[in-house]
Amino acid sequence: TETNKVSDVPTVTSNKVSFYEQIPLVHN
């Protein structure tokens, strides 16, 4: 999704966002 500015290596991140990340208070 983005390039690391120091090494120009792609940073790999998951494209799936958990429900808890969408509404953090649910986790609480």
mmCIF file of all heavy atoms, coordinates in Angstrom:
data_MODEL
# 
_entry.id   MODEL 
# 
loop_
_atom_site.group_PDB 
_atom_site.id 
_atom_site.type_symbol 
_atom_site.label_atom_id 
_atom_site.label_alt_id 
_atom_site.label_comp_id 
_atom_site.label_asym_id 
_atom_site.label_entity_id 
_atom_site.label_seq_id 
_atom_site.pdbx_PDB_ins_code 
_atom_site.Cartn_x 
_atom_site.Cartn_y 
_atom_site.Cartn_z 
_atom_site.occupancy 
_atom_site.B_iso_or_equiv 
_atom_site.pdbx_formal_charge 
_atom_site.auth_seq_id 
_atom_site.auth_comp_id 
_atom_site.auth_asym_id 
_atom_site.auth_atom_id 
_atom_site.pdbx_PDB_model_num 
ATOM 1   N N   . THR A 1 1  ? 0.806   -1.218  0.000  1.00 0.00 ? 1  THR A N   1 
ATOM 2   C CA  . THR A 1 1  ? 0.000   0.000   0.000  1.00 0.00 ? 1  THR A CA  1 
ATOM 3   C C   . THR A 1 1  ? 0.835   1.262   0.000  1.00 0.00 ? 1  THR A C   1 
ATOM 4   O O   . THR A 1 1  ? 0.344   2.317   -0.343 1.00 0.00 ? 1  THR A O   1 
ATOM 5   C CB  . THR A 1 1  ? -0.929  0.034   1.226  1.00 0.00 ? 1  THR A CB  1 
ATOM 6   O OG1 . THR A 1 1  ? -0.142  -0.043  2.397  1.00 0.00 ? 1  THR A OG1 1 
ATOM 7   C CG2 . THR A 1 1  ? -1.928  -1.097  1.176  1.00 0.00 ? 1  THR A CG2 1 
ATOM 8   N N   . GLU A 1 2  ? 2.072   1.183   0.423  1.00 0.00 ? 2  GLU A N   1 
ATOM 9   C CA  . GLU A 1 2  ? 2.902   2.371   0.408  1.00 0.00 ? 2  GLU A CA  1 
ATOM 10  C C   . GLU A 1 2  ? 4.360   1.957   0.320  1.00 0.00 ? 2  GLU A C   1 
ATOM 11  O O   . GLU A 1 2  ? 4.706   0.807   0.544  1.00 0.00 ? 2  GLU A O   1 
ATOM 12  C CB  . GLU A 1 2  ? 2.660   3.224   1.654  1.00 0.00 ? 2  GLU A CB  1 
ATOM 13  C CG  . GLU A 1 2  ? 2.894   2.512   2.956  1.00 0.00 ? 2  GLU A CG  1 
ATOM 14  C CD  . GLU A 1 2  ? 2.491   3.341   4.148  1.00 0.00 ? 2  GLU A CD  1 
ATOM 15  O OE1 . GLU A 1 2  ? 1.360   3.830   4.182  1.00 0.00 ? 2  GLU A OE1 1 
ATOM 16  O OE2 . GLU A 1 2  ? 3.337   3.497   5.039  1.00 0.00 ? 2  GLU A OE2 1 
ATOM 17  N N   . THR A 1 3  ? 5.217   2.891   0.004  1.00 0.00 ? 3  THR A N   1 
ATOM 18  C CA  . THR A 1 3  ? 6.636   2.597   -0.124 1.00 0.00 ? 3  THR A CA  1 
ATOM 19  C C   . THR A 1 3  ? 7.358   3.175   1.073  1.00 0.00 ? 3  THR A C   1 
ATOM 20  O O   . THR A 1 3  ? 7.113   4.310   1.482  1.00 0.00 ? 3  THR A O   1 
ATOM 21  C CB  . THR A 1 3  ? 7.191   3.231   -1.422 1.00 0.00 ? 3  THR A CB  1 
ATOM 22  O OG1 . THR A 1 3  ? 6.449   2.709   -2.506 1.00 0.00 ? 3  THR A OG1 1 
ATOM 23  C CG2 . THR A 1 3  ? 8.648   2.918   -1.603 1.00 0.00 ? 3  THR A CG2 1 
ATOM 24  N N   . ASN A 1 4  ? 8.276   2.398   1.629  1.00 0.00 ? 4  ASN A N   1 
ATOM 25  C CA  . ASN A 1 4  ? 9.118   2.855   2.714  1.00 0.00 ? 4  ASN A CA  1 
ATOM 26  C C   . ASN A 1 4  ? 10.076  3.888   2.135  1.00 0.00 ? 4  ASN A C   1 
ATOM 27  O O   . ASN A 1 4  ? 10.857  3.584   1.238  1.00 0.00 ? 4  ASN A O   1 
ATOM 28  C CB  . ASN A 1 4  ? 9.858   1.664   3.325  1.00 0.00 ? 4  ASN A CB  1 
ATOM 29  C CG  . ASN A 1 4  ? 10.710  2.053   4.501  1.00 0.00 ? 4  ASN A CG  1 
ATOM 30  O OD1 . ASN A 1 4  ? 11.271  3.140   4.541  1.00 0.00 ? 4  ASN A OD1 1 
ATOM 31  N ND2 . ASN A 1 4  ? 10.788  1.160   5.460  1.00 0.00 ? 4  ASN A ND2 1 
ATOM 32  N N   . LYS A 1 5  ? 10.065  5.112   2.599  1.00 0.00 ? 5  LYS A N   1 
ATOM 33  C CA  . LYS A 1 5  ? 10.856  6.196   2.031  1.00 0.00 ? 5  LYS A CA  1 
ATOM 34  C C   . LYS A 1 5  ? 12.357  5.959   2.180  1.00 0.00 ? 5  LYS A C   1 
ATOM 35  O O   . LYS A 1 5  ? 13.139  6.439   1.383  1.00 0.00 ? 5  LYS A O   1 
ATOM 36  C CB  . LYS A 1 5  ? 10.490  7.534   2.686  1.00 0.00 ? 5  LYS A CB  1 
ATOM 37  C CG  . LYS A 1 5  ? 9.037   7.908   2.511  1.00 0.00 ? 5  LYS A CG  1 
ATOM 38  C CD  . LYS A 1 5  ? 8.666   8.054   1.063  1.00 0.00 ? 5  LYS A CD  1 
ATOM 39  C CE  . LYS A 1 5  ? 7.216   8.435   0.929  1.00 0.00 ? 5  LYS A CE  1 
ATOM 40  N NZ  . LYS A 1 5  ? 6.665   8.227   -0.358 1.00 0.00 ? 5  LYS A NZ  1 
ATOM 41  N N   . VAL A 1 6  ? 12.782  5.210   3.182  1.00 0.00 ? 6  VAL A N   1 
ATOM 42  C CA  . VAL A 1 6  ? 14.207  4.972   3.396  1.00 0.00 ? 6  VAL A CA  1 
ATOM 43  C C   . VAL A 1 6  ? 14.759  3.987   2.383  1.00 0.00 ? 6  VAL A C   1 
ATOM 44  O O   . VAL A 1 6  ? 15.801  4.208   1.780  1.00 0.00 ? 6  VAL A O   1 
ATOM 45  C CB  . VAL A 1 6  ? 14.465  4.459   4.839  1.00 0.00 ? 6  VAL A CB  1 
ATOM 46  C CG1 . VAL A 1 6  ? 15.922  4.121   5.043  1.00 0.00 ? 6  VAL A CG1 1 
ATOM 47  C CG2 . VAL A 1 6  ? 13.985  5.486   5.838  1.00 0.00 ? 6  VAL A CG2 1 
ATOM 48  N N   . SER A 1 7  ? 14.061  2.891   2.133  1.00 0.00 ? 7  SER A N   1 
ATOM 49  C CA  . SER A 1 7  ? 14.601  1.838   1.271  1.00 0.00 ? 7  SER A CA  1 
ATOM 50  C C   . SER A 1 7  ? 13.856  1.672   -0.045 1.00 0.00 ? 7  SER A C   1 
ATOM 51  O O   . SER A 1 7  ? 14.271  0.880   -0.874 1.00 0.00 ? 7  SER A O   1 
ATOM 52  C CB  . SER A 1 7  ? 14.581  0.515   2.031  1.00 0.00 ? 7  SER A CB  1 
ATOM 53  O OG  . SER A 1 7  ? 13.242  0.160   2.314  1.00 0.00 ? 7  SER A OG  1 
ATOM 54  N N   . ASP A 1 8  ? 12.778  2.422   -0.277 1.00 0.00 ? 8  ASP A N   1 
ATOM 55  C CA  . ASP A 1 8  ? 11.937  2.275   -1.463 1.00 0.00 ? 8  ASP A CA  1 
ATOM 56  C C   . ASP A 1 8  ? 11.420  0.852   -1.652 1.00 0.00 ? 8  ASP A C   1 
ATOM 57  O O   . ASP A 1 8  ? 11.158  0.411   -2.755 1.00 0.00 ? 8  ASP A O   1 
ATOM 58  C CB  . ASP A 1 8  ? 12.664  2.745   -2.728 1.00 0.00 ? 8  ASP A CB  1 
ATOM 59  C CG  . ASP A 1 8  ? 12.809  4.254   -2.748 1.00 0.00 ? 8  ASP A CG  1 
ATOM 60  O OD1 . ASP A 1 8  ? 11.907  4.930   -2.211 1.00 0.00 ? 8  ASP A OD1 1 
ATOM 61  O OD2 . ASP A 1 8  ? 13.813  4.748   -3.295 1.00 0.00 ? 8  ASP A OD2 1 
ATOM 62  N N   . VAL A 1 9  ? 11.286  0.127   -0.558 1.00 0.00 ? 9  VAL A N   1 
ATOM 63  C CA  . VAL A 1 9  ? 10.731  -1.223  -0.587 1.00 0.00 ? 9  VAL A CA  1 
ATOM 64  C C   . VAL A 1 9  ? 9.253   -1.117  -0.227 1.00 0.00 ? 9  VAL A C   1 
ATOM 65  O O   . VAL A 1 9  ? 8.898   -0.430  0.736  1.00 0.00 ? 9  VAL A O   1 
ATOM 66  C CB  . VAL A 1 9  ? 11.457  -2.154  0.424  1.00 0.00 ? 9  VAL A CB  1 
ATOM 67  C CG1 . VAL A 1 9  ? 10.795  -3.504  0.480  1.00 0.00 ? 9  VAL A CG1 1 
ATOM 68  C CG2 . VAL A 1 9  ? 12.926  -2.249  0.083  1.00 0.00 ? 9  VAL A CG2 1 
ATOM 69  N N   . PRO A 1 10 ? 8.395   -1.785  -1.003 1.00 0.00 ? 10 PRO A N   1 
ATOM 70  C CA  . PRO A 1 10 ? 6.966   -1.719  -0.664 1.00 0.00 ? 10 PRO A CA  1 
ATOM 71  C C   . PRO A 1 10 ? 6.713   -2.258  0.741  1.00 0.00 ? 10 PRO A C   1 
ATOM 72  O O   . PRO A 1 10 ? 7.286   -3.272  1.136  1.00 0.00 ? 10 PRO A O   1 
ATOM 73  C CB  . PRO A 1 10 ? 6.295   -2.605  -1.705 1.00 0.00 ? 10 PRO A CB  1 
ATOM 74  C CG  . PRO A 1 10 ? 7.284   -2.735  -2.813 1.00 0.00 ? 10 PRO A CG  1 
ATOM 75  C CD  . PRO A 1 10 ? 8.632   -2.585  -2.182 1.00 0.00 ? 10 PRO A CD  1 
ATOM 76  N N   . THR A 1 11 ? 5.889   -1.555  1.496  1.00 0.00 ? 11 THR A N   1 
ATOM 77  C CA  . THR A 1 11 ? 5.467   -2.013  2.806  1.00 0.00 ? 11 THR A CA  1 
ATOM 78  C C   . THR A 1 11 ? 4.200   -2.830  2.608  1.00 0.00 ? 11 THR A C   1 
ATOM 79  O O   . THR A 1 11 ? 3.250   -2.361  1.992  1.00 0.00 ? 11 THR A O   1 
ATOM 80  C CB  . THR A 1 11 ? 5.177   -0.816  3.733  1.00 0.00 ? 11 THR A CB  1 
ATOM 81  O OG1 . THR A 1 11 ? 6.346   -0.005  3.778  1.00 0.00 ? 11 THR A OG1 1 
ATOM 82  C CG2 . THR A 1 11 ? 4.796   -1.270  5.116  1.00 0.00 ? 11 THR A CG2 1 
ATOM 83  N N   . VAL A 1 12 ? 4.180   -4.045  3.124  1.00 0.00 ? 12 VAL A N   1 
ATOM 84  C CA  . VAL A 1 12 ? 3.047   -4.925  2.928  1.00 0.00 ? 12 VAL A CA  1 
ATOM 85  C C   . VAL A 1 12 ? 2.122   -4.809  4.123  1.00 0.00 ? 12 VAL A C   1 
ATOM 86  O O   . VAL A 1 12 ? 2.552   -4.949  5.265  1.00 0.00 ? 12 VAL A O   1 
ATOM 87  C CB  . VAL A 1 12 ? 3.507   -6.391  2.747  1.00 0.00 ? 12 VAL A CB  1 
ATOM 88  C CG1 . VAL A 1 12 ? 2.313   -7.307  2.596  1.00 0.00 ? 12 VAL A CG1 1 
ATOM 89  C CG2 . VAL A 1 12 ? 4.425   -6.497  1.544  1.00 0.00 ? 12 VAL A CG2 1 
ATOM 90  N N   . THR A 1 13 ? 0.863   -4.507  3.847  1.00 0.00 ? 13 THR A N   1 
ATOM 91  C CA  . THR A 1 13 ? -0.142  -4.442  4.905  1.00 0.00 ? 13 THR A CA  1 
ATOM 92  C C   . THR A 1 13 ? -1.360  -5.219  4.458  1.00 0.00 ? 13 THR A C   1 
ATOM 93  O O   . THR A 1 13 ? -1.624  -5.360  3.276  1.00 0.00 ? 13 THR A O   1 
ATOM 94  C CB  . THR A 1 13 ? -0.557  -2.984  5.193  1.00 0.00 ? 13 THR A CB  1 
ATOM 95  O OG1 . THR A 1 13 ? -1.046  -2.414  3.994  1.00 0.00 ? 13 THR A OG1 1 
ATOM 96  C CG2 . THR A 1 13 ? 0.606   -2.178  5.740  1.00 0.00 ? 13 THR A CG2 1 
ATOM 97  N N   . SER A 1 14 ? -2.082  -5.720  5.392  1.00 0.00 ? 14 SER A N   1 
ATOM 98  C CA  . SER A 1 14 ? -3.290  -6.484  5.080  1.00 0.00 ? 14 SER A CA  1 
ATOM 99  C C   . SER A 1 14 ? -4.376  -5.527  4.606  1.00 0.00 ? 14 SER A C   1 
ATOM 100 O O   . SER A 1 14 ? -4.505  -4.419  5.102  1.00 0.00 ? 14 SER A O   1 
ATOM 101 C CB  . SER A 1 14 ? -3.757  -7.243  6.321  1.00 0.00 ? 14 SER A CB  1 
ATOM 102 O OG  . SER A 1 14 ? -5.005  -7.850  6.073  1.00 0.00 ? 14 SER A OG  1 
ATOM 103 N N   . ASN A 1 15 ? -5.184  -5.984  3.644  1.00 0.00 ? 15 ASN A N   1 
ATOM 104 C CA  . ASN A 1 15 ? -6.274  -5.149  3.167  1.00 0.00 ? 15 ASN A CA  1 
ATOM 105 C C   . ASN A 1 15 ? -7.557  -5.396  3.933  1.00 0.00 ? 15 ASN A C   1 
ATOM 106 O O   . ASN A 1 15 ? -8.565  -4.803  3.651  1.00 0.00 ? 15 ASN A O   1 
ATOM 107 C CB  . ASN A 1 15 ? -6.504  -5.352  1.665  1.00 0.00 ? 15 ASN A CB  1 
ATOM 108 C CG  . ASN A 1 15 ? -6.858  -6.782  1.323  1.00 0.00 ? 15 ASN A CG  1 
ATOM 109 O OD1 . ASN A 1 15 ? -6.850  -7.652  2.193  1.00 0.00 ? 15 ASN A OD1 1 
ATOM 110 N ND2 . ASN A 1 15 ? -7.138  -7.040  0.065  1.00 0.00 ? 15 ASN A ND2 1 
ATOM 111 N N   . LYS A 1 16 ? -7.529  -6.258  4.926  1.00 0.00 ? 16 LYS A N   1 
ATOM 112 C CA  . LYS A 1 16 ? -8.707  -6.546  5.728  1.00 0.00 ? 16 LYS A CA  1 
ATOM 113 C C   . LYS A 1 16 ? -8.599  -5.813  7.066  1.00 0.00 ? 16 LYS A C   1 
ATOM 114 O O   . LYS A 1 16 ? -7.626  -5.964  7.781  1.00 0.00 ? 16 LYS A O   1 
ATOM 115 C CB  . LYS A 1 16 ? -8.828  -8.051  5.964  1.00 0.00 ? 16 LYS A CB  1 
ATOM 116 C CG  . LYS A 1 16 ? -10.094 -8.426  6.690  1.00 0.00 ? 16 LYS A CG  1 
ATOM 117 C CD  . LYS A 1 16 ? -10.259 -9.918  6.795  1.00 0.00 ? 16 LYS A CD  1 
ATOM 118 C CE  . LYS A 1 16 ? -11.562 -10.241 7.483  1.00 0.00 ? 16 LYS A CE  1 
ATOM 119 N NZ  . LYS A 1 16 ? -11.761 -11.667 7.628  1.00 0.00 ? 16 LYS A NZ  1 
ATOM 120 N N   . VAL A 1 17 ? -9.598  -5.011  7.380  1.00 0.00 ? 17 VAL A N   1 
ATOM 121 C CA  . VAL A 1 17 ? -9.631  -4.270  8.634  1.00 0.00 ? 17 VAL A CA  1 
ATOM 122 C C   . VAL A 1 17 ? -10.628 -4.953  9.555  1.00 0.00 ? 17 VAL A C   1 
ATOM 123 O O   . VAL A 1 17 ? -11.756 -5.220  9.169  1.00 0.00 ? 17 VAL A O   1 
ATOM 124 C CB  . VAL A 1 17 ? -10.050 -2.802  8.382  1.00 0.00 ? 17 VAL A CB  1 
ATOM 125 C CG1 . VAL A 1 17 ? -10.122 -2.032  9.687  1.00 0.00 ? 17 VAL A CG1 1 
ATOM 126 C CG2 . VAL A 1 17 ? -9.073  -2.138  7.417  1.00 0.00 ? 17 VAL A CG2 1 
ATOM 127 N N   . SER A 1 18 ? -10.191 -5.247  10.782 1.00 0.00 ? 18 SER A N   1 
ATOM 128 C CA  . SER A 1 18 ? -11.080 -5.943  11.710 1.00 0.00 ? 18 SER A CA  1 
ATOM 129 C C   . SER A 1 18 ? -12.195 -5.011  12.175 1.00 0.00 ? 18 SER A C   1 
ATOM 130 O O   . SER A 1 18 ? -12.077 -3.792  12.125 1.00 0.00 ? 18 SER A O   1 
ATOM 131 C CB  . SER A 1 18 ? -10.300 -6.454  12.925 1.00 0.00 ? 18 SER A CB  1 
ATOM 132 O OG  . SER A 1 18 ? -10.034 -5.400  13.830 1.00 0.00 ? 18 SER A OG  1 
ATOM 133 N N   . PHE A 1 19 ? -13.274 -5.625  12.627 1.00 0.00 ? 19 PHE A N   1 
ATOM 134 C CA  . PHE A 1 19 ? -14.409 -4.861  13.139 1.00 0.00 ? 19 PHE A CA  1 
ATOM 135 C C   . PHE A 1 19 ? -13.980 -4.001  14.319 1.00 0.00 ? 19 PHE A C   1 
ATOM 136 O O   . PHE A 1 19 ? -14.421 -2.869  14.465 1.00 0.00 ? 19 PHE A O   1 
ATOM 137 C CB  . PHE A 1 19 ? -15.525 -5.822  13.542 1.00 0.00 ? 19 PHE A CB  1 
ATOM 138 C CG  . PHE A 1 19 ? -16.824 -5.134  13.864 1.00 0.00 ? 19 PHE A CG  1 
ATOM 139 C CD1 . PHE A 1 19 ? -17.577 -4.545  12.860 1.00 0.00 ? 19 PHE A CD1 1 
ATOM 140 C CD2 . PHE A 1 19 ? -17.291 -5.073  15.155 1.00 0.00 ? 19 PHE A CD2 1 
ATOM 141 C CE1 . PHE A 1 19 ? -18.780 -3.917  13.143 1.00 0.00 ? 19 PHE A CE1 1 
ATOM 142 C CE2 . PHE A 1 19 ? -18.493 -4.449  15.454 1.00 0.00 ? 19 PHE A CE2 1 
ATOM 143 C CZ  . PHE A 1 19 ? -19.235 -3.870  14.439 1.00 0.00 ? 19 PHE A CZ  1 
ATOM 144 N N   . TYR A 1 20 ? -13.084 -4.556  15.168 1.00 0.00 ? 20 TYR A N   1 
ATOM 145 C CA  . TYR A 1 20 ? -12.598 -3.806  16.323 1.00 0.00 ? 20 TYR A CA  1 
ATOM 146 C C   . TYR A 1 20 ? -11.855 -2.545  15.900 1.00 0.00 ? 20 TYR A C   1 
ATOM 147 O O   . TYR A 1 20 ? -11.909 -1.532  16.559 1.00 0.00 ? 20 TYR A O   1 
ATOM 148 C CB  . TYR A 1 20 ? -11.675 -4.651  17.186 1.00 0.00 ? 20 TYR A CB  1 
ATOM 149 C CG  . TYR A 1 20 ? -12.358 -5.754  17.939 1.00 0.00 ? 20 TYR A CG  1 
ATOM 150 C CD1 . TYR A 1 20 ? -11.665 -6.904  18.277 1.00 0.00 ? 20 TYR A CD1 1 
ATOM 151 C CD2 . TYR A 1 20 ? -13.674 -5.666  18.336 1.00 0.00 ? 20 TYR A CD2 1 
ATOM 152 C CE1 . TYR A 1 20 ? -12.266 -7.931  18.979 1.00 0.00 ? 20 TYR A CE1 1 
ATOM 153 C CE2 . TYR A 1 20 ? -14.297 -6.680  19.035 1.00 0.00 ? 20 TYR A CE2 1 
ATOM 154 C CZ  . TYR A 1 20 ? -13.587 -7.804  19.364 1.00 0.00 ? 20 TYR A CZ  1 
ATOM 155 O OH  . TYR A 1 20 ? -14.174 -8.810  20.059 1.00 0.00 ? 20 TYR A OH  1 
ATOM 156 N N   . GLU A 1 21 ? -11.122 -2.611  14.772 1.00 0.00 ? 21 GLU A N   1 
ATOM 157 C CA  . GLU A 1 21 ? -10.407 -1.431  14.306 1.00 0.00 ? 21 GLU A CA  1 
ATOM 158 C C   . GLU A 1 21 ? -11.372 -0.384  13.765 1.00 0.00 ? 21 GLU A C   1 
ATOM 159 O O   . GLU A 1 21 ? -11.083 0.802   13.798 1.00 0.00 ? 21 GLU A O   1 
ATOM 160 C CB  . GLU A 1 21 ? -9.390  -1.823  13.236 1.00 0.00 ? 21 GLU A CB  1 
ATOM 161 C CG  . GLU A 1 21 ? -8.240  -2.637  13.810 1.00 0.00 ? 21 GLU A CG  1 
ATOM 162 C CD  . GLU A 1 21 ? -7.339  -3.206  12.727 1.00 0.00 ? 21 GLU A CD  1 
ATOM 163 O OE1 . GLU A 1 21 ? -7.430  -2.777  11.570 1.00 0.00 ? 21 GLU A OE1 1 
ATOM 164 O OE2 . GLU A 1 21 ? -6.550  -4.094  13.059 1.00 0.00 ? 21 GLU A OE2 1 
ATOM 165 N N   . GLN A 1 22 ? -12.509 -0.819  13.242 1.00 0.00 ? 22 GLN A N   1 
ATOM 166 C CA  . GLN A 1 22 ? -13.499 0.115   12.725 1.00 0.00 ? 22 GLN A CA  1 
ATOM 167 C C   . GLN A 1 22 ? -14.205 0.838   13.867 1.00 0.00 ? 22 GLN A C   1 
ATOM 168 O O   . GLN A 1 22 ? -14.502 2.018   13.772 1.00 0.00 ? 22 GLN A O   1 
ATOM 169 C CB  . GLN A 1 22 ? -14.535 -0.622  11.876 1.00 0.00 ? 22 GLN A CB  1 
ATOM 170 C CG  . GLN A 1 22 ? -13.964 -1.208  10.614 1.00 0.00 ? 22 GLN A CG  1 
ATOM 171 C CD  . GLN A 1 22 ? -14.991 -2.073  9.901  1.00 0.00 ? 22 GLN A CD  1 
ATOM 172 O OE1 . GLN A 1 22 ? -16.180 -1.813  9.953  1.00 0.00 ? 22 GLN A OE1 1 
ATOM 173 N NE2 . GLN A 1 22 ? -14.530 -3.109  9.240  1.00 0.00 ? 22 GLN A NE2 1 
ATOM 174 N N   . ILE A 1 23 ? -14.515 0.124   14.915 1.00 0.00 ? 23 ILE A N   1 
ATOM 175 C CA  . ILE A 1 23 ? -15.201 0.704   16.072 1.00 0.00 ? 23 ILE A CA  1 
ATOM 176 C C   . ILE A 1 23 ? -14.466 0.223   17.329 1.00 0.00 ? 23 ILE A C   1 
ATOM 177 O O   . ILE A 1 23 ? -14.835 -0.770  17.939 1.00 0.00 ? 23 ILE A O   1 
ATOM 178 C CB  . ILE A 1 23 ? -16.686 0.286   16.118 1.00 0.00 ? 23 ILE A CB  1 
ATOM 179 C CG1 . ILE A 1 23 ? -17.374 0.649   14.798 1.00 0.00 ? 23 ILE A CG1 1 
ATOM 180 C CG2 . ILE A 1 23 ? -17.394 0.950   17.290 1.00 0.00 ? 23 ILE A CG2 1 
ATOM 181 C CD1 . ILE A 1 23 ? -18.798 0.169   14.698 1.00 0.00 ? 23 ILE A CD1 1 
ATOM 182 N N   . PRO A 1 24 ? -13.391 0.914   17.717 1.00 0.00 ? 24 PRO A N   1 
ATOM 183 C CA  . PRO A 1 24 ? -12.554 0.439   18.835 1.00 0.00 ? 24 PRO A CA  1 
ATOM 184 C C   . PRO A 1 24 ? -13.305 0.259   20.151 1.00 0.00 ? 24 PRO A C   1 
ATOM 185 O O   . PRO A 1 24 ? -12.949 -0.598  20.941 1.00 0.00 ? 24 PRO A O   1 
ATOM 186 C CB  . PRO A 1 24 ? -11.482 1.521   18.963 1.00 0.00 ? 24 PRO A CB  1 
ATOM 187 C CG  . PRO A 1 24 ? -11.480 2.247   17.668 1.00 0.00 ? 24 PRO A CG  1 
ATOM 188 C CD  . PRO A 1 24 ? -12.870 2.132   17.119 1.00 0.00 ? 24 PRO A CD  1 
ATOM 189 N N   . LEU A 1 25 ? -14.345 1.035   20.399 1.00 0.00 ? 25 LEU A N   1 
ATOM 190 C CA  . LEU A 1 25 ? -15.053 0.901   21.667 1.00 0.00 ? 25 LEU A CA  1 
ATOM 191 C C   . LEU A 1 25 ? -15.753 -0.448  21.805 1.00 0.00 ? 25 LEU A C   1 
ATOM 192 O O   . LEU A 1 25 ? -16.005 -0.904  22.908 1.00 0.00 ? 25 LEU A O   1 
ATOM 193 C CB  . LEU A 1 25 ? -16.052 2.043   21.858 1.00 0.00 ? 25 LEU A CB  1 
ATOM 194 C CG  . LEU A 1 25 ? -15.430 3.373   22.273 1.00 0.00 ? 25 LEU A CG  1 
ATOM 195 C CD1 . LEU A 1 25 ? -16.491 4.448   22.389 1.00 0.00 ? 25 LEU A CD1 1 
ATOM 196 C CD2 . LEU A 1 25 ? -14.669 3.243   23.571 1.00 0.00 ? 25 LEU A CD2 1 
ATOM 197 N N   . VAL A 1 26 ? -16.059 -1.112  20.683 1.00 0.00 ? 26 VAL A N   1 
ATOM 198 C CA  . VAL A 1 26 ? -16.654 -2.445  20.751 1.00 0.00 ? 26 VAL A CA  1 
ATOM 199 C C   . VAL A 1 26 ? -15.695 -3.388  21.478 1.00 0.00 ? 26 VAL A C   1 
ATOM 200 O O   . VAL A 1 26 ? -16.097 -4.173  22.339 1.00 0.00 ? 26 VAL A O   1 
ATOM 201 C CB  . VAL A 1 26 ? -16.989 -2.988  19.340 1.00 0.00 ? 26 VAL A CB  1 
ATOM 202 C CG1 . VAL A 1 26 ? -17.365 -4.456  19.386 1.00 0.00 ? 26 VAL A CG1 1 
ATOM 203 C CG2 . VAL A 1 26 ? -18.114 -2.171  18.729 1.00 0.00 ? 26 VAL A CG2 1 
ATOM 204 N N   . HIS A 1 27 ? -14.435 -3.288  21.143 1.00 0.00 ? 27 HIS A N   1 
ATOM 205 C CA  . HIS A 1 27 ? -13.406 -4.101  21.801 1.00 0.00 ? 27 HIS A CA  1 
ATOM 206 C C   . HIS A 1 27 ? -13.407 -3.835  23.313 1.00 0.00 ? 27 HIS A C   1 
ATOM 207 O O   . HIS A 1 27 ? -13.327 -4.758  24.113 1.00 0.00 ? 27 HIS A O   1 
ATOM 208 C CB  . HIS A 1 27 ? -12.045 -3.781  21.191 1.00 0.00 ? 27 HIS A CB  1 
ATOM 209 C CG  . HIS A 1 27 ? -10.915 -4.553  21.748 1.00 0.00 ? 27 HIS A CG  1 
ATOM 210 N ND1 . HIS A 1 27 ? -10.770 -5.912  21.555 1.00 0.00 ? 27 HIS A ND1 1 
ATOM 211 C CD2 . HIS A 1 27 ? -9.864  -4.186  22.512 1.00 0.00 ? 27 HIS A CD2 1 
ATOM 212 C CE1 . HIS A 1 27 ? -9.687  -6.327  22.153 1.00 0.00 ? 27 HIS A CE1 1 
ATOM 213 N NE2 . HIS A 1 27 ? -9.119  -5.306  22.749 1.00 0.00 ? 27 HIS A NE2 1 
ATOM 214 N N   . ASN A 1 28 ? -13.526 -2.581  23.695 1.00 0.00 ? 28 ASN A N   1 
ATOM 215 C CA  . ASN A 1 28 ? -13.531 -2.223  25.114 1.00 0.00 ? 28 ASN A CA  1 
ATOM 216 C C   . ASN A 1 28 ? -14.755 -2.789  25.831 1.00 0.00 ? 28 ASN A C   1 
ATOM 217 O O   . ASN A 1 28 ? -14.646 -3.283  26.957 1.00 0.00 ? 28 ASN A O   1 
ATOM 218 C CB  . ASN A 1 28 ? -13.487 -0.708  25.275 1.00 0.00 ? 28 ASN A CB  1 
ATOM 219 C CG  . ASN A 1 28 ? -12.192 -0.123  24.764 1.00 0.00 ? 28 ASN A CG  1 
ATOM 220 O OD1 . ASN A 1 28 ? -11.187 -0.805  24.632 1.00 0.00 ? 28 ASN A OD1 1 
ATOM 221 N ND2 . ASN A 1 28 ? -12.220 1.161   24.442 1.00 0.00 ? 28 ASN A ND2 1 
# 
